[in-house]
Structures are given as structure tokens and as C-alpha cells.
Amino acid sequence: MSKQLLQLQRPVQANNTADETPAKPTDDNTVAEIKAWLDAHGVSYSSSAVKADLLALVNDTDA
């Protein structure tokens, strides 16, 4: 498998234990991971949103 494909298959990392709900993403997460978290929580965002914008949406979400 190519390195790129392996990177795409990497699970979203969260700052939690196995029995907890996924923690909110932080600056340590990638933009793709943050977008995945927002998608999972039904939060809309602009396709041009940058990491800081996405993290602001995360922080405004009650999840």
C-alpha cells in the first residue's frame, strides 16, 4: 500500500480512553480530523475555513 493510502486510513485520534465519547479536537489534530469531528456532530463549516475557524466551531459546540 502506498504511504498516502495508509495516511487516509489512519483513524481520527482523540484525546480520550476507549470508553469515553471522542474528545473535542485540539490544535494537535489535523484539519481533516477536525472536519470529521464537526461532520459527526452535524456542524456546518465553510469549505474555505482554516484550522482556527474550525476549532472555534468545535469550541462553540455542546458535545
N, C-alpha and C. Protein backbone atom coordinates (compact mmCIF):
# COMPACT_ATOMS: atom_id res chain seq x y z
N MET A 1 0.83 -1.18 0.00
CA MET A 1 0.00 0.00 0.00
C MET A 1 0.87 1.24 0.00
N SER A 2 0.36 2.24 -0.64
CA SER A 2 1.14 3.47 -0.67
C SER A 2 1.04 4.20 0.67
N LYS A 3 2.02 5.03 0.92
CA LYS A 3 2.05 5.80 2.16
C LYS A 3 0.83 6.71 2.24
N GLN A 4 0.44 7.29 1.10
CA GLN A 4 -0.71 8.18 1.09
C GLN A 4 -1.98 7.43 1.47
N LEU A 5 -2.18 6.24 0.95
CA LEU A 5 -3.36 5.45 1.28
C LEU A 5 -3.37 5.09 2.75
N LEU A 6 -2.22 4.76 3.30
CA LEU A 6 -2.15 4.45 4.72
C LEU A 6 -2.52 5.65 5.57
N GLN A 7 -2.12 6.83 5.13
CA GLN A 7 -2.46 8.04 5.87
C GLN A 7 -3.96 8.29 5.84
N LEU A 8 -4.61 8.01 4.71
CA LEU A 8 -6.04 8.21 4.61
C LEU A 8 -6.81 7.24 5.50
N GLN A 9 -6.24 6.08 5.75
CA GLN A 9 -6.91 5.08 6.56
C GLN A 9 -6.64 5.26 8.05
N ARG A 10 -5.80 6.20 8.41
CA ARG A 10 -5.47 6.43 9.80
C ARG A 10 -6.72 6.88 10.55
N PRO A 11 -7.04 6.28 11.67
CA PRO A 11 -8.24 6.69 12.40
C PRO A 11 -8.08 8.08 13.00
N VAL A 12 -9.21 8.73 13.21
CA VAL A 12 -9.19 10.04 13.86
C VAL A 12 -8.72 9.84 15.28
N GLN A 13 -7.71 10.57 15.66
CA GLN A 13 -7.19 10.45 17.01
C GLN A 13 -7.94 11.39 17.93
N ALA A 14 -8.27 10.90 19.07
CA ALA A 14 -8.94 11.72 20.07
C ALA A 14 -8.18 11.62 21.37
N ASN A 15 -8.39 12.59 22.20
CA ASN A 15 -7.72 12.63 23.49
C ASN A 15 -8.63 11.99 24.53
N ASN A 16 -8.81 10.67 24.43
CA ASN A 16 -9.75 10.00 25.32
C ASN A 16 -9.36 8.55 25.54
N THR A 17 -10.10 7.89 26.41
CA THR A 17 -9.93 6.46 26.60
C THR A 17 -11.00 5.75 25.80
N ALA A 18 -10.92 4.44 25.70
CA ALA A 18 -11.82 3.67 24.84
C ALA A 18 -13.28 3.78 25.26
N ASP A 19 -13.57 4.00 26.53
CA ASP A 19 -14.95 4.01 27.00
C ASP A 19 -15.59 5.40 26.99
N GLU A 20 -14.86 6.41 26.63
CA GLU A 20 -15.39 7.77 26.61
C GLU A 20 -15.84 8.14 25.21
N THR A 21 -16.71 9.15 25.14
CA THR A 21 -17.04 9.68 23.83
C THR A 21 -15.81 10.44 23.33
N PRO A 22 -15.66 10.56 22.01
CA PRO A 22 -14.47 11.24 21.48
C PRO A 22 -14.34 12.66 22.03
N ALA A 23 -13.14 13.00 22.42
CA ALA A 23 -12.87 14.33 22.95
C ALA A 23 -12.92 15.34 21.81
N LYS A 24 -13.16 16.57 22.18
CA LYS A 24 -13.15 17.63 21.18
C LYS A 24 -11.73 17.75 20.62
N PRO A 25 -11.63 17.97 19.31
CA PRO A 25 -10.31 18.15 18.70
C PRO A 25 -9.61 19.38 19.27
N THR A 26 -8.31 19.34 19.20
CA THR A 26 -7.48 20.46 19.64
C THR A 26 -6.56 20.87 18.50
N ASP A 27 -5.68 21.80 18.78
CA ASP A 27 -4.71 22.25 17.78
C ASP A 27 -3.77 21.12 17.36
N ASP A 28 -3.71 20.07 18.16
CA ASP A 28 -2.87 18.91 17.82
C ASP A 28 -3.47 18.07 16.70
N ASN A 29 -4.78 18.20 16.46
CA ASN A 29 -5.44 17.43 15.41
C ASN A 29 -5.23 18.11 14.06
N THR A 30 -5.37 17.32 13.00
CA THR A 30 -5.26 17.86 11.65
C THR A 30 -6.59 18.48 11.25
N VAL A 31 -6.56 19.29 10.20
CA VAL A 31 -7.79 19.90 9.68
C VAL A 31 -8.78 18.80 9.29
N ALA A 32 -8.30 17.75 8.66
CA ALA A 32 -9.19 16.64 8.25
C ALA A 32 -9.84 15.99 9.47
N GLU A 33 -9.09 15.82 10.54
CA GLU A 33 -9.65 15.22 11.76
C GLU A 33 -10.70 16.14 12.39
N ILE A 34 -10.42 17.44 12.38
CA ILE A 34 -11.38 18.40 12.94
C ILE A 34 -12.65 18.41 12.10
N LYS A 35 -12.50 18.41 10.78
CA LYS A 35 -13.67 18.39 9.90
C LYS A 35 -14.48 17.11 10.11
N ALA A 36 -13.81 15.99 10.30
CA ALA A 36 -14.50 14.73 10.54
C ALA A 36 -15.31 14.81 11.84
N TRP A 37 -14.75 15.41 12.87
CA TRP A 37 -15.45 15.56 14.14
C TRP A 37 -16.67 16.47 13.96
N LEU A 38 -16.48 17.59 13.25
CA LEU A 38 -17.59 18.51 13.00
C LEU A 38 -18.69 17.82 12.20
N ASP A 39 -18.31 17.06 11.19
CA ASP A 39 -19.28 16.32 10.39
C ASP A 39 -20.07 15.34 11.26
N ALA A 40 -19.37 14.63 12.13
CA ALA A 40 -20.01 13.65 13.00
C ALA A 40 -20.99 14.30 13.98
N HIS A 41 -20.78 15.58 14.25
CA HIS A 41 -21.64 16.30 15.18
C HIS A 41 -22.62 17.23 14.47
N GLY A 42 -22.71 17.10 13.15
CA GLY A 42 -23.68 17.87 12.38
C GLY A 42 -23.43 19.36 12.33
N VAL A 43 -22.17 19.75 12.44
CA VAL A 43 -21.81 21.17 12.42
C VAL A 43 -21.37 21.56 11.01
N SER A 44 -21.98 22.60 10.48
CA SER A 44 -21.64 23.10 9.15
C SER A 44 -20.43 24.03 9.22
N TYR A 45 -19.66 24.04 8.16
CA TYR A 45 -18.50 24.93 8.07
C TYR A 45 -18.23 25.25 6.62
N SER A 46 -17.58 26.36 6.39
CA SER A 46 -17.23 26.78 5.04
C SER A 46 -16.09 25.92 4.51
N SER A 47 -16.13 25.63 3.24
CA SER A 47 -15.04 24.85 2.64
C SER A 47 -13.72 25.61 2.68
N SER A 48 -13.79 26.93 2.85
CA SER A 48 -12.57 27.73 2.92
C SER A 48 -12.11 27.98 4.36
N ALA A 49 -12.80 27.38 5.33
CA ALA A 49 -12.45 27.58 6.74
C ALA A 49 -11.05 27.05 7.03
N VAL A 50 -10.30 27.81 7.79
CA VAL A 50 -8.96 27.40 8.20
C VAL A 50 -9.04 26.76 9.58
N LYS A 51 -7.94 26.17 10.01
CA LYS A 51 -7.91 25.42 11.26
C LYS A 51 -8.45 26.23 12.44
N ALA A 52 -8.06 27.47 12.57
CA ALA A 52 -8.52 28.30 13.69
C ALA A 52 -10.04 28.48 13.65
N ASP A 53 -10.60 28.65 12.45
CA ASP A 53 -12.05 28.79 12.30
C ASP A 53 -12.76 27.50 12.71
N LEU A 54 -12.21 26.37 12.28
CA LEU A 54 -12.81 25.08 12.60
C LEU A 54 -12.76 24.82 14.11
N LEU A 55 -11.64 25.15 14.73
CA LEU A 55 -11.53 24.94 16.18
C LEU A 55 -12.49 25.86 16.94
N ALA A 56 -12.74 27.04 16.42
CA ALA A 56 -13.72 27.93 17.06
C ALA A 56 -15.11 27.30 17.00
N LEU A 57 -15.43 26.66 15.89
CA LEU A 57 -16.72 25.96 15.77
C LEU A 57 -16.78 24.79 16.76
N VAL A 58 -15.68 24.07 16.91
CA VAL A 58 -15.62 22.96 17.85
C VAL A 58 -15.90 23.47 19.26
N ASN A 59 -15.25 24.57 19.62
CA ASN A 59 -15.40 25.13 20.97
C ASN A 59 -16.79 25.67 21.23
N ASP A 60 -17.51 26.05 20.16
CA ASP A 60 -18.87 26.56 20.29
C ASP A 60 -19.91 25.45 20.31
N THR A 61 -19.48 24.22 20.11
CA THR A 61 -20.39 23.08 20.04
C THR A 61 -20.53 22.41 21.39
N ASP A 62 -21.76 22.16 21.79
CA ASP A 62 -22.04 21.47 23.05
C ASP A 62 -22.02 19.97 22.80
N ALA A 63 -20.86 19.41 22.73
CA ALA A 63 -20.73 17.96 22.53
C ALA A 63 -19.63 17.41 23.38
